[in-house]
Amino acid sequence: MQLTKRYHIIYGIKITAFFCAFLLNISIQAQQDFSRVKSKYEYSTPKTQHLAELVKSKNYEEGLSYIDESMESILNQYDFEQVIYLLERKSYILRRLERFDEAEVVISEVISLAREHLGNNHILLAKAYLMRGQIEHRIGDFYTATFDFDTSQVIYQKSPQYDSAIYESIIDYKFYAYNYAERNVDTLTKYL
């Protein structure tokens, strides 16, 4: 009798765990299935493609020079989306080079430009807040980083575009920042 009872309990736990995992998987998929209401964010120009190749091959100094050389002609065209995109990449490169003070200055400029020229619900603004949070996370300012990750997520959710890689980074960094800042992870799970 005891063996049967124990078997039913273990079997019940396994079914419950499977069901919870199934629901979590459906929930995650549903959060990112924006194909009917949002468009995938894909931004590409010859300059951004060339920069992506430089970054991928870790030619960071050359990438910084390329951004600085390209900026004047882009500004003359009033292509603020490209300006913001390239400056966000510049802050990424500076972060990779561990030049955190410079990276923070650049990303703060990106946030101001994005708010002014792209609006408050553009995916590049969400990406900029994500980058600033990543910089703060890297220097150990986890508490401030959580605010930037929260802001990034709110903007991302309002944005008419989506990019699953950005969303995944927001969630990953938020989780670790909340843990390191000793903030309530239960609060975090409510918003995820």
N, C-alpha and C. Protein backbone atom coordinates (compact mmCIF):
# COMPACT_ATOMS: atom_id res chain seq x y z
N MET A 1 0.81 -1.20 0.00
CA MET A 1 0.00 0.00 0.00
C MET A 1 0.86 1.27 0.00
N GLN A 2 1.91 1.26 0.84
CA GLN A 2 2.80 2.42 0.93
C GLN A 2 3.49 2.69 -0.41
N LEU A 3 3.92 1.64 -1.08
CA LEU A 3 4.60 1.78 -2.36
C LEU A 3 3.68 2.42 -3.41
N THR A 4 2.44 2.00 -3.45
CA THR A 4 1.48 2.56 -4.39
C THR A 4 1.21 4.03 -4.09
N LYS A 5 1.08 4.37 -2.81
CA LYS A 5 0.83 5.75 -2.41
C LYS A 5 2.02 6.63 -2.78
N ARG A 6 3.22 6.14 -2.50
CA ARG A 6 4.44 6.88 -2.83
C ARG A 6 4.55 7.05 -4.35
N TYR A 7 4.22 6.02 -5.09
CA TYR A 7 4.26 6.07 -6.55
C TYR A 7 3.31 7.14 -7.07
N HIS A 8 2.10 7.20 -6.52
CA HIS A 8 1.12 8.20 -6.96
C HIS A 8 1.58 9.62 -6.64
N ILE A 9 2.22 9.79 -5.50
CA ILE A 9 2.72 11.12 -5.13
C ILE A 9 3.82 11.55 -6.09
N ILE A 10 4.78 10.65 -6.33
CA ILE A 10 5.88 10.96 -7.25
C ILE A 10 5.34 11.21 -8.65
N TYR A 11 4.41 10.38 -9.08
CA TYR A 11 3.80 10.53 -10.40
C TYR A 11 3.07 11.88 -10.50
N GLY A 12 2.37 12.26 -9.44
CA GLY A 12 1.66 13.54 -9.41
C GLY A 12 2.62 14.71 -9.49
N ILE A 13 3.75 14.60 -8.79
CA ILE A 13 4.76 15.67 -8.83
C ILE A 13 5.33 15.79 -10.23
N LYS A 14 5.63 14.68 -10.86
CA LYS A 14 6.17 14.70 -12.22
C LYS A 14 5.18 15.33 -13.20
N ILE A 15 3.92 14.97 -13.08
CA ILE A 15 2.90 15.54 -13.97
C ILE A 15 2.78 17.04 -13.74
N THR A 16 2.78 17.46 -12.48
CA THR A 16 2.69 18.87 -12.15
C THR A 16 3.89 19.63 -12.71
N ALA A 17 5.09 19.09 -12.53
CA ALA A 17 6.30 19.74 -13.05
C ALA A 17 6.25 19.84 -14.57
N PHE A 18 5.83 18.77 -15.22
CA PHE A 18 5.72 18.79 -16.68
C PHE A 18 4.72 19.84 -17.13
N PHE A 19 3.58 19.90 -16.46
CA PHE A 19 2.53 20.86 -16.81
C PHE A 19 3.03 22.29 -16.62
N CYS A 20 3.74 22.55 -15.51
CA CYS A 20 4.28 23.90 -15.26
C CYS A 20 5.30 24.28 -16.34
N ALA A 21 6.18 23.34 -16.69
CA ALA A 21 7.17 23.61 -17.74
C ALA A 21 6.47 23.87 -19.07
N PHE A 22 5.42 23.12 -19.35
CA PHE A 22 4.66 23.30 -20.59
C PHE A 22 4.03 24.69 -20.63
N LEU A 23 3.40 25.10 -19.52
CA LEU A 23 2.78 26.42 -19.46
C LEU A 23 3.81 27.53 -19.58
N LEU A 24 4.97 27.36 -18.93
CA LEU A 24 6.02 28.36 -19.02
C LEU A 24 6.51 28.49 -20.46
N ASN A 25 6.67 27.38 -21.14
CA ASN A 25 7.12 27.39 -22.54
C ASN A 25 6.09 28.11 -23.41
N ILE A 26 4.83 27.82 -23.21
CA ILE A 26 3.77 28.50 -23.98
C ILE A 26 3.78 29.99 -23.69
N SER A 27 3.96 30.34 -22.41
CA SER A 27 3.98 31.75 -22.02
C SER A 27 5.13 32.49 -22.69
N ILE A 28 6.32 31.88 -22.70
CA ILE A 28 7.48 32.52 -23.32
C ILE A 28 7.26 32.67 -24.82
N GLN A 29 6.73 31.64 -25.46
CA GLN A 29 6.47 31.72 -26.90
C GLN A 29 5.43 32.78 -27.20
N ALA A 30 4.41 32.87 -26.37
CA ALA A 30 3.34 33.85 -26.60
C ALA A 30 3.87 35.27 -26.45
N GLN A 31 4.81 35.46 -25.50
CA GLN A 31 5.36 36.80 -25.30
C GLN A 31 6.12 37.27 -26.52
N GLN A 32 6.72 36.38 -27.27
CA GLN A 32 7.55 36.78 -28.38
C GLN A 32 6.90 36.56 -29.74
N ASP A 33 5.65 36.13 -29.78
CA ASP A 33 4.97 35.96 -31.06
C ASP A 33 4.27 37.26 -31.43
N PHE A 34 5.07 38.21 -31.91
CA PHE A 34 4.54 39.52 -32.27
C PHE A 34 4.23 39.63 -33.75
N SER A 35 4.35 38.54 -34.47
CA SER A 35 4.26 38.61 -35.93
C SER A 35 2.94 39.20 -36.41
N ARG A 36 1.90 39.09 -35.62
CA ARG A 36 0.60 39.62 -36.04
C ARG A 36 0.41 41.08 -35.65
N VAL A 37 1.17 41.55 -34.64
CA VAL A 37 0.95 42.91 -34.15
C VAL A 37 2.18 43.81 -34.25
N LYS A 38 3.35 43.22 -34.41
CA LYS A 38 4.58 43.99 -34.51
C LYS A 38 5.37 43.54 -35.72
N SER A 39 6.27 44.39 -36.16
CA SER A 39 7.14 44.00 -37.27
C SER A 39 8.55 43.77 -36.73
N LYS A 40 9.25 42.82 -37.32
CA LYS A 40 10.62 42.51 -36.89
C LYS A 40 11.50 43.70 -37.22
N TYR A 41 12.31 44.10 -36.24
CA TYR A 41 13.21 45.23 -36.47
C TYR A 41 14.44 44.75 -37.22
N GLU A 42 14.60 45.26 -38.41
CA GLU A 42 15.77 44.95 -39.22
C GLU A 42 16.27 46.25 -39.83
N TYR A 43 17.41 46.68 -39.37
CA TYR A 43 17.97 47.93 -39.88
C TYR A 43 19.35 47.62 -40.44
N SER A 44 19.55 47.96 -41.68
CA SER A 44 20.83 47.64 -42.30
C SER A 44 21.14 48.66 -43.39
N THR A 45 22.32 49.20 -43.30
CA THR A 45 22.86 50.07 -44.34
C THR A 45 24.28 49.58 -44.63
N PRO A 46 24.89 50.02 -45.71
CA PRO A 46 26.28 49.60 -45.95
C PRO A 46 27.21 49.95 -44.78
N LYS A 47 26.98 51.11 -44.16
CA LYS A 47 27.83 51.51 -43.03
C LYS A 47 27.62 50.60 -41.82
N THR A 48 26.36 50.29 -41.52
CA THR A 48 26.11 49.42 -40.35
C THR A 48 26.59 48.00 -40.61
N GLN A 49 26.49 47.55 -41.85
CA GLN A 49 26.99 46.21 -42.19
C GLN A 49 28.51 46.14 -42.04
N HIS A 50 29.20 47.17 -42.54
CA HIS A 50 30.66 47.19 -42.43
C HIS A 50 31.08 47.23 -40.95
N LEU A 51 30.39 48.05 -40.17
CA LEU A 51 30.71 48.12 -38.75
C LEU A 51 30.46 46.78 -38.07
N ALA A 52 29.38 46.11 -38.42
CA ALA A 52 29.08 44.80 -37.83
C ALA A 52 30.20 43.81 -38.12
N GLU A 53 30.75 43.87 -39.32
CA GLU A 53 31.88 42.98 -39.67
C GLU A 53 33.11 43.30 -38.83
N LEU A 54 33.38 44.59 -38.63
CA LEU A 54 34.52 44.99 -37.80
C LEU A 54 34.35 44.52 -36.36
N VAL A 55 33.16 44.69 -35.82
CA VAL A 55 32.89 44.28 -34.44
C VAL A 55 32.97 42.76 -34.31
N LYS A 56 32.40 42.06 -35.28
CA LYS A 56 32.42 40.60 -35.24
C LYS A 56 33.86 40.06 -35.23
N SER A 57 34.73 40.72 -35.98
CA SER A 57 36.13 40.29 -36.02
C SER A 57 36.97 40.94 -34.91
N LYS A 58 36.31 41.65 -34.00
CA LYS A 58 36.93 42.29 -32.83
C LYS A 58 37.97 43.34 -33.20
N ASN A 59 37.77 44.00 -34.31
CA ASN A 59 38.60 45.15 -34.70
C ASN A 59 37.98 46.41 -34.10
N TYR A 60 38.04 46.50 -32.77
CA TYR A 60 37.32 47.55 -32.06
C TYR A 60 37.87 48.95 -32.35
N GLU A 61 39.18 49.10 -32.34
CA GLU A 61 39.77 50.42 -32.59
C GLU A 61 39.43 50.90 -34.00
N GLU A 62 39.50 49.99 -34.95
CA GLU A 62 39.14 50.33 -36.33
C GLU A 62 37.65 50.68 -36.42
N GLY A 63 36.83 49.97 -35.65
CA GLY A 63 35.39 50.25 -35.61
C GLY A 63 35.11 51.64 -35.07
N LEU A 64 35.82 52.03 -34.00
CA LEU A 64 35.65 53.38 -33.45
C LEU A 64 36.04 54.44 -34.48
N SER A 65 37.14 54.22 -35.17
CA SER A 65 37.57 55.17 -36.21
C SER A 65 36.54 55.26 -37.32
N TYR A 66 36.02 54.12 -37.72
CA TYR A 66 35.02 54.08 -38.80
C TYR A 66 33.76 54.86 -38.41
N ILE A 67 33.32 54.70 -37.17
CA ILE A 67 32.13 55.44 -36.70
C ILE A 67 32.40 56.93 -36.75
N ASP A 68 33.54 57.35 -36.21
CA ASP A 68 33.86 58.78 -36.18
C ASP A 68 33.96 59.37 -37.59
N GLU A 69 34.57 58.62 -38.51
CA GLU A 69 34.69 59.09 -39.90
C GLU A 69 33.33 59.18 -40.59
N SER A 70 32.43 58.26 -40.26
CA SER A 70 31.12 58.20 -40.93
C SER A 70 30.13 59.21 -40.39
N MET A 71 30.34 59.67 -39.17
CA MET A 71 29.31 60.44 -38.48
C MET A 71 28.96 61.75 -39.18
N GLU A 72 29.93 62.48 -39.68
CA GLU A 72 29.63 63.78 -40.29
C GLU A 72 28.72 63.64 -41.50
N SER A 73 29.02 62.69 -42.38
CA SER A 73 28.19 62.54 -43.58
C SER A 73 26.78 62.07 -43.22
N ILE A 74 26.66 61.25 -42.20
CA ILE A 74 25.34 60.78 -41.78
C ILE A 74 24.54 61.92 -41.16
N LEU A 75 25.20 62.74 -40.35
CA LEU A 75 24.52 63.88 -39.74
C LEU A 75 24.05 64.87 -40.80
N ASN A 76 24.84 65.04 -41.85
CA ASN A 76 24.44 65.94 -42.95
C ASN A 76 23.21 65.44 -43.68
N GLN A 77 22.97 64.13 -43.64
CA GLN A 77 21.79 63.54 -44.28
C GLN A 77 20.58 63.53 -43.34
N TYR A 78 20.78 63.93 -42.11
CA TYR A 78 19.73 63.90 -41.08
C TYR A 78 19.14 62.50 -40.91
N ASP A 79 19.99 61.51 -41.03
CA ASP A 79 19.56 60.12 -40.83
C ASP A 79 19.81 59.74 -39.37
N PHE A 80 18.89 60.18 -38.51
CA PHE A 80 19.11 60.02 -37.07
C PHE A 80 19.00 58.56 -36.62
N GLU A 81 18.26 57.76 -37.34
CA GLU A 81 18.21 56.35 -36.96
C GLU A 81 19.59 55.71 -37.12
N GLN A 82 20.27 56.04 -38.21
CA GLN A 82 21.61 55.50 -38.43
C GLN A 82 22.61 56.09 -37.42
N VAL A 83 22.48 57.38 -37.12
CA VAL A 83 23.35 58.02 -36.13
C VAL A 83 23.20 57.31 -34.79
N ILE A 84 21.97 57.11 -34.38
CA ILE A 84 21.70 56.48 -33.08
C ILE A 84 22.18 55.04 -33.08
N TYR A 85 21.95 54.34 -34.17
CA TYR A 85 22.40 52.96 -34.29
C TYR A 85 23.92 52.87 -34.15
N LEU A 86 24.64 53.72 -34.89
CA LEU A 86 26.11 53.69 -34.85
C LEU A 86 26.66 54.13 -33.50
N LEU A 87 26.04 55.14 -32.89
CA LEU A 87 26.52 55.57 -31.57
C LEU A 87 26.26 54.51 -30.50
N GLU A 88 25.15 53.79 -30.62
CA GLU A 88 24.90 52.69 -29.68
C GLU A 88 25.97 51.63 -29.84
N ARG A 89 26.34 51.35 -31.07
CA ARG A 89 27.43 50.38 -31.33
C ARG A 89 28.76 50.91 -30.79
N LYS A 90 28.95 52.25 -30.87
CA LYS A 90 30.18 52.85 -30.32
C LYS A 90 30.24 52.61 -28.82
N SER A 91 29.13 52.79 -28.13
CA SER A 91 29.14 52.55 -26.69
C SER A 91 29.39 51.07 -26.39
N TYR A 92 28.88 50.19 -27.25
CA TYR A 92 29.15 48.76 -27.10
C TYR A 92 30.65 48.48 -27.22
N ILE A 93 31.28 49.07 -28.24
CA ILE A 93 32.72 48.86 -28.44
C ILE A 93 33.50 49.40 -27.25
N LEU A 94 33.15 50.60 -26.78
CA LEU A 94 33.83 51.18 -25.63
C LEU A 94 33.66 50.30 -24.39
N ARG A 95 32.49 49.73 -24.22
CA ARG A 95 32.26 48.80 -23.10
C ARG A 95 33.16 47.59 -23.23
N ARG A 96 33.26 47.04 -24.44
CA ARG A 96 34.12 45.87 -24.67
C ARG A 96 35.59 46.19 -24.40
N LEU A 97 35.98 47.44 -24.68
CA LEU A 97 37.35 47.88 -24.41
C LEU A 97 37.55 48.31 -22.96
N GLU A 98 36.49 48.19 -22.15
CA GLU A 98 36.48 48.56 -20.73
C GLU A 98 36.76 50.05 -20.51
N ARG A 99 36.31 50.86 -21.44
CA ARG A 99 36.39 52.31 -21.31
C ARG A 99 34.98 52.79 -20.90
N PHE A 100 34.64 52.46 -19.67
CA PHE A 100 33.26 52.59 -19.20
C PHE A 100 32.79 54.04 -19.10
N ASP A 101 33.66 54.95 -18.66
CA ASP A 101 33.25 56.35 -18.55
C ASP A 101 32.85 56.91 -19.92
N GLU A 102 33.67 56.63 -20.92
CA GLU A 102 33.36 57.09 -22.28
C GLU A 102 32.08 56.43 -22.80
N ALA A 103 31.94 55.15 -22.51
CA ALA A 103 30.75 54.41 -22.96
C ALA A 103 29.48 55.01 -22.36
N GLU A 104 29.54 55.39 -21.08
CA GLU A 104 28.36 55.98 -20.43
C GLU A 104 28.00 57.34 -21.03
N VAL A 105 29.01 58.13 -21.35
CA VAL A 105 28.76 59.44 -21.96
C VAL A 105 28.09 59.26 -23.32
N VAL A 106 28.62 58.34 -24.12
CA VAL A 106 28.07 58.11 -25.46
C VAL A 106 26.64 57.59 -25.37
N ILE A 107 26.39 56.62 -24.50
CA ILE A 107 25.05 56.03 -24.44
C ILE A 107 24.03 57.02 -23.89
N SER A 108 24.46 57.92 -23.01
CA SER A 108 23.53 58.96 -22.52
C SER A 108 23.16 59.91 -23.66
N GLU A 109 24.13 60.20 -24.53
CA GLU A 109 23.85 61.02 -25.71
C GLU A 109 22.89 60.29 -26.65
N VAL A 110 23.09 58.99 -26.80
CA VAL A 110 22.21 58.18 -27.65
C VAL A 110 20.77 58.24 -27.14
N ILE A 111 20.61 58.11 -25.83
CA ILE A 111 19.26 58.14 -25.24
C ILE A 111 18.59 59.48 -25.52
N SER A 112 19.34 60.57 -25.33
CA SER A 112 18.77 61.91 -25.61
C SER A 112 18.39 62.06 -27.07
N LEU A 113 19.28 61.66 -27.97
CA LEU A 113 18.99 61.76 -29.40
C LEU A 113 17.80 60.89 -29.80
N ALA A 114 17.75 59.69 -29.27
CA ALA A 114 16.64 58.78 -29.62
C ALA A 114 15.31 59.34 -29.15
N ARG A 115 15.28 59.87 -27.93
CA ARG A 115 14.03 60.45 -27.43
C ARG A 115 13.60 61.63 -28.30
N GLU A 116 14.57 62.44 -28.71
CA GLU A 116 14.25 63.64 -29.48
C GLU A 116 13.85 63.33 -30.93
N HIS A 117 14.54 62.39 -31.56
CA HIS A 117 14.36 62.19 -33.00
C HIS A 117 13.59 60.92 -33.38
N LEU A 118 13.53 59.95 -32.50
CA LEU A 118 12.83 58.70 -32.84
C LEU A 118 11.56 58.48 -32.03
N GLY A 119 11.41 59.21 -30.95
CA GLY A 119 10.23 59.05 -30.11
C GLY A 119 10.49 58.14 -28.92
N ASN A 120 9.48 58.06 -28.06
CA ASN A 120 9.64 57.34 -26.80
C ASN A 120 9.32 55.85 -26.87
N ASN A 121 8.97 55.34 -28.04
CA ASN A 121 8.64 53.91 -28.12
C ASN A 121 9.40 53.20 -29.25
N HIS A 122 10.55 53.74 -29.61
CA HIS A 122 11.35 53.12 -30.68
C HIS A 122 12.25 52.04 -30.08
N ILE A 123 12.43 50.98 -30.81
CA ILE A 123 13.21 49.85 -30.31
C ILE A 123 14.68 50.24 -30.06
N LEU A 124 15.20 51.21 -30.81
CA LEU A 124 16.58 51.65 -30.56
C LEU A 124 16.71 52.35 -29.21
N LEU A 125 15.65 53.00 -28.76
CA LEU A 125 15.67 53.60 -27.42
C LEU A 125 15.71 52.49 -26.37
N ALA A 126 14.93 51.44 -26.58
CA ALA A 126 14.97 50.29 -25.66
C ALA A 126 16.37 49.68 -25.64
N LYS A 127 16.97 49.58 -26.81
CA LYS A 127 18.32 49.01 -26.92
C LYS A 127 19.34 49.91 -26.23
N ALA A 128 19.15 51.22 -26.31
CA ALA A 128 20.06 52.16 -25.65
C ALA A 128 19.98 52.03 -24.13
N TYR A 129 18.76 51.94 -23.60
CA TYR A 129 18.63 51.74 -22.15
C TYR A 129 19.21 50.39 -21.73
N LEU A 130 19.04 49.39 -22.57
CA LEU A 130 19.65 48.09 -22.30
C LEU A 130 21.17 48.24 -22.23
N MET A 131 21.76 48.96 -23.19
CA MET A 131 23.21 49.15 -23.21
C MET A 131 23.68 49.90 -21.97
N ARG A 132 22.96 50.96 -21.59
CA ARG A 132 23.37 51.70 -20.39
C ARG A 132 23.29 50.81 -19.17
N GLY A 133 22.24 49.99 -19.09
CA GLY A 133 22.14 49.04 -17.99
C GLY A 133 23.28 48.04 -18.00
N GLN A 134 23.68 47.59 -19.18
CA GLN A 134 24.80 46.64 -19.29
C GLN A 134 26.10 47.28 -18.82
N ILE A 135 26.30 48.54 -19.15
CA ILE A 135 27.50 49.24 -18.70
C ILE A 135 27.49 49.37 -17.18
N GLU A 136 26.35 49.79 -16.62
CA GLU A 136 26.24 49.91 -15.17
C GLU A 136 26.40 48.55 -14.49
N HIS A 137 25.85 47.54 -15.10
CA HIS A 137 25.99 46.17 -14.58
C HIS A 137 27.46 45.77 -14.56
N ARG A 138 28.17 46.10 -15.62
CA ARG A 138 29.59 45.72 -15.75
C ARG A 138 30.46 46.41 -14.71
N ILE A 139 30.11 47.66 -14.34
CA ILE A 139 30.92 48.37 -13.34
C ILE A 139 30.42 48.11 -11.92
N GLY A 140 29.38 47.31 -11.79
CA GLY A 140 28.91 46.90 -10.47
C GLY A 140 27.81 47.77 -9.88
N ASP A 141 27.24 48.66 -10.66
CA ASP A 141 26.13 49.50 -10.18
C ASP A 141 24.82 48.80 -10.52
N PHE A 142 24.58 47.68 -9.84
CA PHE A 142 23.46 46.81 -10.17
C PHE A 142 22.11 47.47 -9.88
N TYR A 143 22.06 48.25 -8.81
CA TYR A 143 20.79 48.87 -8.44
C TYR A 143 20.32 49.83 -9.53
N THR A 144 21.22 50.69 -10.01
CA THR A 144 20.86 51.62 -11.09
C THR A 144 20.58 50.87 -12.38
N ALA A 145 21.34 49.80 -12.61
CA ALA A 145 21.14 49.00 -13.83
C ALA A 145 19.72 48.45 -13.90
N THR A 146 19.16 48.05 -12.75
CA THR A 146 17.80 47.49 -12.77
C THR A 146 16.79 48.50 -13.29
N PHE A 147 16.98 49.78 -12.96
CA PHE A 147 16.06 50.80 -13.46
C PHE A 147 16.16 50.94 -14.98
N ASP A 148 17.39 50.88 -15.50
CA ASP A 148 17.54 50.97 -16.95
C ASP A 148 16.97 49.75 -17.65
N PHE A 149 17.14 48.57 -17.06
CA PHE A 149 16.55 47.36 -17.65
C PHE A 149 15.03 47.41 -17.60
N ASP A 150 14.48 47.92 -16.50
CA ASP A 150 13.02 48.08 -16.41
C ASP A 150 12.53 49.03 -17.50
N THR A 151 13.21 50.16 -17.64
CA THR A 151 12.83 51.15 -18.66
C THR A 151 12.94 50.55 -20.05
N SER A 152 14.02 49.81 -20.29
CA SER A 152 14.21 49.16 -21.58
C SER A 152 13.06 48.21 -21.89
N GLN A 153 12.64 47.44 -20.90
CA GLN A 153 11.56 46.49 -21.14
C GLN A 153 10.24 47.20 -21.43
N VAL A 154 9.95 48.26 -20.70
CA VAL A 154 8.71 49.01 -20.93
C VAL A 154 8.69 49.59 -22.34
N ILE A 155 9.80 50.20 -22.76
CA ILE A 155 9.87 50.77 -24.10
C ILE A 155 9.77 49.67 -25.15
N TYR A 156 10.46 48.56 -24.92
CA TYR A 156 10.41 47.43 -25.86
C TYR A 156 8.98 46.95 -26.05
N GLN A 157 8.24 46.84 -24.95
CA GLN A 157 6.86 46.35 -25.04
C GLN A 157 5.95 47.33 -25.76
N LYS A 158 6.25 48.62 -25.70
CA LYS A 158 5.44 49.63 -26.39
C LYS A 158 5.83 49.77 -27.86
N SER A 159 7.02 49.32 -28.19
CA SER A 159 7.55 49.51 -29.54
C SER A 159 6.74 48.75 -30.59
N PRO A 160 6.55 49.34 -31.77
CA PRO A 160 5.86 48.62 -32.85
C PRO A 160 6.76 47.58 -33.53
N GLN A 161 8.05 47.55 -33.16
CA GLN A 161 8.96 46.54 -33.71
C GLN A 161 9.35 45.56 -32.60
N TYR A 162 9.92 44.43 -33.02
CA TYR A 162 10.44 43.49 -32.04
C TYR A 162 11.75 42.90 -32.53
N ASP A 163 12.55 42.45 -31.59
CA ASP A 163 13.79 41.73 -31.88
C ASP A 163 14.01 40.80 -30.69
N SER A 164 13.86 39.52 -30.93
CA SER A 164 13.92 38.53 -29.85
C SER A 164 15.26 38.55 -29.12
N ALA A 165 16.34 38.84 -29.80
CA ALA A 165 17.65 38.88 -29.15
C ALA A 165 17.72 40.02 -28.13
N ILE A 166 17.14 41.17 -28.47
CA ILE A 166 17.12 42.29 -27.52
C ILE A 166 16.28 41.90 -26.31
N TYR A 167 15.11 41.33 -26.55
CA TYR A 167 14.23 40.95 -25.44
C TYR A 167 14.92 39.94 -24.52
N GLU A 168 15.57 38.95 -25.10
CA GLU A 168 16.26 37.94 -24.30
C GLU A 168 17.36 38.58 -23.45
N SER A 169 18.10 39.52 -24.01
CA SER A 169 19.14 40.21 -23.25
C SER A 169 18.55 41.03 -22.11
N ILE A 170 17.45 41.71 -22.37
CA ILE A 170 16.79 42.49 -21.31
C ILE A 170 16.45 41.58 -20.14
N ILE A 171 15.81 40.46 -20.43
CA ILE A 171 15.36 39.55 -19.38
C ILE A 171 16.55 38.94 -18.64
N ASP A 172 17.56 38.49 -19.37
CA ASP A 172 18.74 37.90 -18.73
C ASP A 172 19.43 38.90 -17.81
N TYR A 173 19.70 40.09 -18.31
CA TYR A 173 20.39 41.08 -17.49
C TYR A 173 19.53 41.53 -16.32
N LYS A 174 18.22 41.65 -16.53
CA LYS A 174 17.33 42.03 -15.42
C LYS A 174 17.42 41.01 -14.29
N PHE A 175 17.39 39.75 -14.65
CA PHE A 175 17.43 38.69 -13.64
C PHE A 175 18.70 38.80 -12.79
N TYR A 176 19.84 38.90 -13.45
CA TYR A 176 21.10 38.97 -12.71
C TYR A 176 21.24 40.27 -11.93
N ALA A 177 20.82 41.38 -12.52
CA ALA A 177 20.91 42.66 -11.82
C ALA A 177 20.03 42.67 -10.58
N TYR A 178 18.82 42.12 -10.70
CA TYR A 178 17.95 42.04 -9.53
C TYR A 178 18.58 41.18 -8.44
N ASN A 179 19.20 40.07 -8.82
CA ASN A 179 19.86 39.22 -7.84
C ASN A 179 21.04 39.93 -7.19
N TYR A 180 21.90 40.54 -8.00
CA TYR A 180 23.09 41.19 -7.47
C TYR A 180 22.75 42.42 -6.65
N ALA A 181 21.68 43.11 -7.01
CA ALA A 181 21.26 44.30 -6.26
C ALA A 181 20.46 43.92 -5.02
N GLU A 182 20.25 42.62 -4.85
CA GLU A 182 19.47 42.09 -3.73
C GLU A 182 18.07 42.69 -3.69
N ARG A 183 17.51 42.85 -4.88
CA ARG A 183 16.12 43.30 -4.99
C ARG A 183 15.24 42.07 -5.03
N ASN A 184 13.98 42.27 -4.87
CA ASN A 184 13.04 41.17 -4.77
C ASN A 184 12.82 40.53 -6.14
N VAL A 185 13.28 39.30 -6.28
CA VAL A 185 13.15 38.59 -7.55
C VAL A 185 11.68 38.23 -7.81
N ASP A 186 10.87 38.11 -6.75
CA ASP A 186 9.44 37.86 -6.94
C ASP A 186 8.80 38.99 -7.72
N THR A 187 9.23 40.22 -7.45
CA THR A 187 8.73 41.37 -8.19
C THR A 187 9.11 41.23 -9.66
N LEU A 188 10.31 40.79 -9.91
CA LEU A 188 10.77 40.59 -11.28
C LEU A 188 9.91 39.57 -12.00
N THR A 189 9.64 38.44 -11.36
CA THR A 189 8.87 37.39 -12.03
C THR A 189 7.45 37.83 -12.33
N LYS A 190 6.92 38.77 -11.55
CA LYS A 190 5.58 39.30 -11.84
C LYS A 190 5.54 39.98 -13.20
N TYR A 191 6.62 40.66 -13.56
CA TYR A 191 6.65 41.42 -14.80
C TYR A 191 7.10 40.60 -15.99
N LEU A 192 7.59 39.40 -15.74
CA LEU A 192 8.04 38.55 -16.84
C LEU A 192 6.92 37.67 -17.19
